Amino acid sequence: MAIEHDYFGIIDETASGGLAWGDSADVSEQVVEIELQADDESAVTEFALDAAAALIQALEGFDSRARDALIAELSSRASATTSYIDDHVAKLGDTLLDLLVYNSGDIPVDVLRSLQLVRVVIQPDHPDEEEVFATFDYSISPDETDALLTVSFDIRGDVVSIDTQDS
């Protein structure tokens, strides 16, 4: 059964009994894909849908918080952020400089400032503070690489993890 929400309108039920909704938004002059996905419709509360709507309406602020968290990880050589940057410096070599929107000479910071937010996935069936409620997927060049740097938030809006993945 589909459900209705003031912000999302009708949220369709999936074949497996979950929920799915999608749209796109402009964030910092980029089009970002937004997905709302729930595996268990019965676990989705009105509060979680309201929190998801609030997150979408504040995407630029969450994007800034995610980027701040990425910059904070630069101090650790073992972090996902540092690994992502090192991998792309090795793979792309000098062509990486062509992808940078900013070129201050500080390659790690320039890469982070040049990342494109490509997708936000919200999971309203994960309303507990220990669970991942939303993920922000970043890429240095979505046309050149499938590798993503993913920043995850809990329902309170706190960053809970940063990971890399190949989509």
Protein backbone atom coordinates (compact mmCIF):
# COMPACT_ATOMS: atom_id res chain seq x y z
CA MET A 1 0.00 0.00 0.00
CA ALA A 2 1.34 3.44 -0.87
CA ILE A 3 1.35 6.19 1.73
CA GLU A 4 0.80 9.91 1.42
CA HIS A 5 2.82 12.71 2.98
CA ASP A 6 2.45 16.50 2.78
CA TYR A 7 5.92 16.98 1.24
CA PHE A 8 6.38 13.79 -0.79
CA GLY A 9 2.82 13.31 -1.97
CA ILE A 10 2.15 9.67 -2.81
CA ILE A 11 5.08 7.40 -1.93
CA ASP A 12 4.82 4.24 -4.00
CA GLU A 13 5.02 0.76 -2.57
CA THR A 14 7.68 -1.54 -4.00
CA ALA A 15 7.04 -5.15 -5.04
CA SER A 16 8.78 -6.32 -1.84
CA GLY A 17 6.55 -4.28 0.49
CA GLY A 18 8.84 -1.28 0.92
CA LEU A 19 8.52 2.30 -0.24
CA ALA A 20 10.25 4.25 -2.99
CA TRP A 21 10.18 7.89 -4.05
CA GLY A 22 12.55 9.86 -6.24
CA ASP A 23 13.18 13.38 -7.44
CA SER A 24 16.06 15.70 -8.22
CA ALA A 25 17.13 19.04 -6.78
CA ASP A 26 19.58 21.79 -7.58
CA VAL A 27 22.34 22.02 -5.00
CA SER A 28 25.18 24.48 -5.57
CA GLU A 29 24.46 24.68 -9.30
CA GLN A 30 24.39 20.87 -9.67
CA VAL A 31 21.46 18.54 -10.24
CA VAL A 32 21.37 15.94 -7.46
CA GLU A 33 19.34 12.74 -7.58
CA ILE A 34 17.27 12.22 -4.41
CA GLU A 35 15.89 8.83 -3.46
CA LEU A 36 13.72 7.84 -0.54
CA GLN A 37 13.89 4.08 0.02
CA ALA A 38 12.40 1.93 2.75
CA ASP A 39 12.56 -1.86 2.83
CA ASP A 40 9.84 -2.03 5.50
CA GLU A 41 6.87 0.30 5.07
CA SER A 42 5.60 -0.52 8.57
CA ALA A 43 8.81 0.90 10.08
CA VAL A 44 8.31 4.31 8.44
CA THR A 45 6.89 6.90 10.81
CA GLU A 46 5.45 10.33 10.15
CA PHE A 47 8.36 11.75 12.18
CA ALA A 48 10.89 10.02 9.90
CA LEU A 49 9.15 11.34 6.77
CA ASP A 50 9.08 14.84 8.27
CA ALA A 51 12.80 14.53 9.05
CA ALA A 52 13.45 13.37 5.46
CA ALA A 53 11.52 16.35 4.09
CA ALA A 54 13.46 18.73 6.35
CA LEU A 55 16.75 17.21 5.17
CA ILE A 56 15.79 17.70 1.52
CA GLN A 57 14.81 21.31 2.16
CA ALA A 58 18.20 21.89 3.81
CA LEU A 59 20.37 19.99 1.32
CA GLU A 60 22.91 22.79 0.92
CA GLY A 61 23.50 22.92 4.66
CA PHE A 62 23.88 19.14 4.88
CA ASP A 63 26.23 19.23 1.88
CA SER A 64 28.40 21.77 3.74
CA ARG A 65 28.40 19.62 6.89
CA ALA A 66 29.38 16.57 4.87
CA ARG A 67 32.24 18.45 3.20
CA ASP A 68 33.45 19.69 6.59
CA ALA A 69 33.50 16.09 7.83
CA LEU A 70 35.52 15.07 4.77
CA ILE A 71 38.06 17.83 5.40
CA ALA A 72 38.34 16.76 9.05
CA GLU A 73 39.31 13.26 7.87
CA LEU A 74 42.32 14.56 5.95
CA SER A 75 44.39 14.45 9.14
CA SER A 76 44.19 10.63 9.18
CA ARG A 77 46.20 8.71 6.59
CA ALA A 78 43.96 5.67 7.21
CA SER A 79 40.68 7.47 6.52
CA ALA A 80 38.30 6.71 3.67
CA THR A 81 38.67 10.30 2.48
CA THR A 82 42.45 10.08 2.23
CA SER A 83 42.23 6.69 0.48
CA TYR A 84 39.73 8.08 -2.05
CA ILE A 85 41.98 11.04 -2.84
CA ASP A 86 45.15 8.92 -3.03
CA ASP A 87 43.45 6.41 -5.35
CA HIS A 88 42.29 9.15 -7.70
CA VAL A 89 45.63 10.92 -7.72
CA ALA A 90 47.24 7.58 -8.67
CA LYS A 91 44.57 6.62 -11.26
CA LEU A 92 44.09 9.98 -12.93
CA GLY A 93 47.56 11.49 -12.61
CA ASP A 94 47.85 14.88 -14.27
CA THR A 95 44.32 14.63 -15.72
CA LEU A 96 43.02 15.07 -12.17
CA LEU A 97 44.04 18.72 -12.40
CA ASP A 98 41.58 19.15 -15.28
CA LEU A 99 38.74 17.94 -13.04
CA LEU A 100 39.45 20.37 -10.23
CA VAL A 101 37.09 23.31 -9.91
CA TYR A 102 39.53 24.88 -7.46
CA ASN A 103 43.28 24.71 -7.87
CA SER A 104 45.05 26.24 -4.90
CA GLY A 105 47.92 23.77 -5.03
CA ASP A 106 46.66 21.82 -2.00
CA ILE A 107 45.49 18.76 -3.97
CA PRO A 108 43.55 16.99 -1.17
CA VAL A 109 41.57 20.11 -0.29
CA ASP A 110 41.08 21.00 -3.96
CA VAL A 111 39.72 17.49 -4.65
CA LEU A 112 37.26 17.78 -1.76
CA ARG A 113 36.14 21.24 -2.86
CA SER A 114 35.67 19.89 -6.42
CA LEU A 115 33.62 16.81 -5.49
CA GLN A 116 30.19 16.63 -7.07
CA LEU A 117 27.24 15.58 -4.95
CA VAL A 118 25.56 13.07 -7.24
CA ARG A 119 22.96 11.32 -5.08
CA VAL A 120 21.24 11.52 -1.71
CA VAL A 121 19.53 8.37 -0.43
CA ILE A 122 17.19 8.68 2.55
CA GLN A 123 16.06 5.62 4.48
CA PRO A 124 13.07 6.61 6.62
CA ASP A 125 12.78 3.08 7.97
CA HIS A 126 16.05 3.71 9.88
CA PRO A 127 14.90 6.24 12.47
CA ASP A 128 17.16 5.10 15.32
CA GLU A 129 20.09 7.31 16.22
CA GLU A 130 22.51 4.40 15.69
CA GLU A 131 21.31 3.80 12.12
CA VAL A 132 22.18 5.44 8.82
CA PHE A 133 19.24 7.67 7.87
CA ALA A 134 20.73 9.39 4.80
CA THR A 135 23.77 8.98 2.59
CA PHE A 136 25.37 11.65 0.42
CA ASP A 137 27.33 10.19 -2.52
CA TYR A 138 30.16 12.28 -3.96
CA SER A 139 32.34 11.77 -7.03
CA ILE A 140 35.27 13.71 -8.41
CA SER A 141 34.00 12.92 -11.91
CA PRO A 142 30.86 10.81 -12.37
CA ASP A 143 31.67 10.44 -16.09
CA GLU A 144 35.21 9.19 -15.44
CA THR A 145 34.85 6.93 -12.38
CA ASP A 146 32.28 4.83 -10.53
CA ALA A 147 34.08 5.35 -7.22
CA LEU A 148 32.08 7.28 -4.65
CA LEU A 149 32.90 8.90 -1.36
CA THR A 150 29.84 8.45 0.84
CA VAL A 151 28.98 10.50 3.92
CA SER A 152 26.26 9.01 6.14
CA PHE A 153 24.01 10.89 8.56
CA ASP A 154 21.74 9.68 11.34
CA ILE A 155 18.21 11.00 11.82
CA ARG A 156 19.50 13.84 14.05
CA GLY A 157 21.71 15.07 11.22
CA ASP A 158 25.02 13.95 12.72
CA VAL A 159 27.69 12.41 10.48
CA VAL A 160 28.03 8.76 11.49
CA SER A 161 30.43 7.41 8.87
CA ILE A 162 32.45 8.13 5.76
CA ASP A 163 33.13 5.30 3.32
CA THR A 164 34.24 4.67 -0.23
CA GLN A 165 32.45 2.46 -2.71
CA ASP A 166 32.31 1.57 -6.36
CA SER A 167 28.76 1.94 -7.63
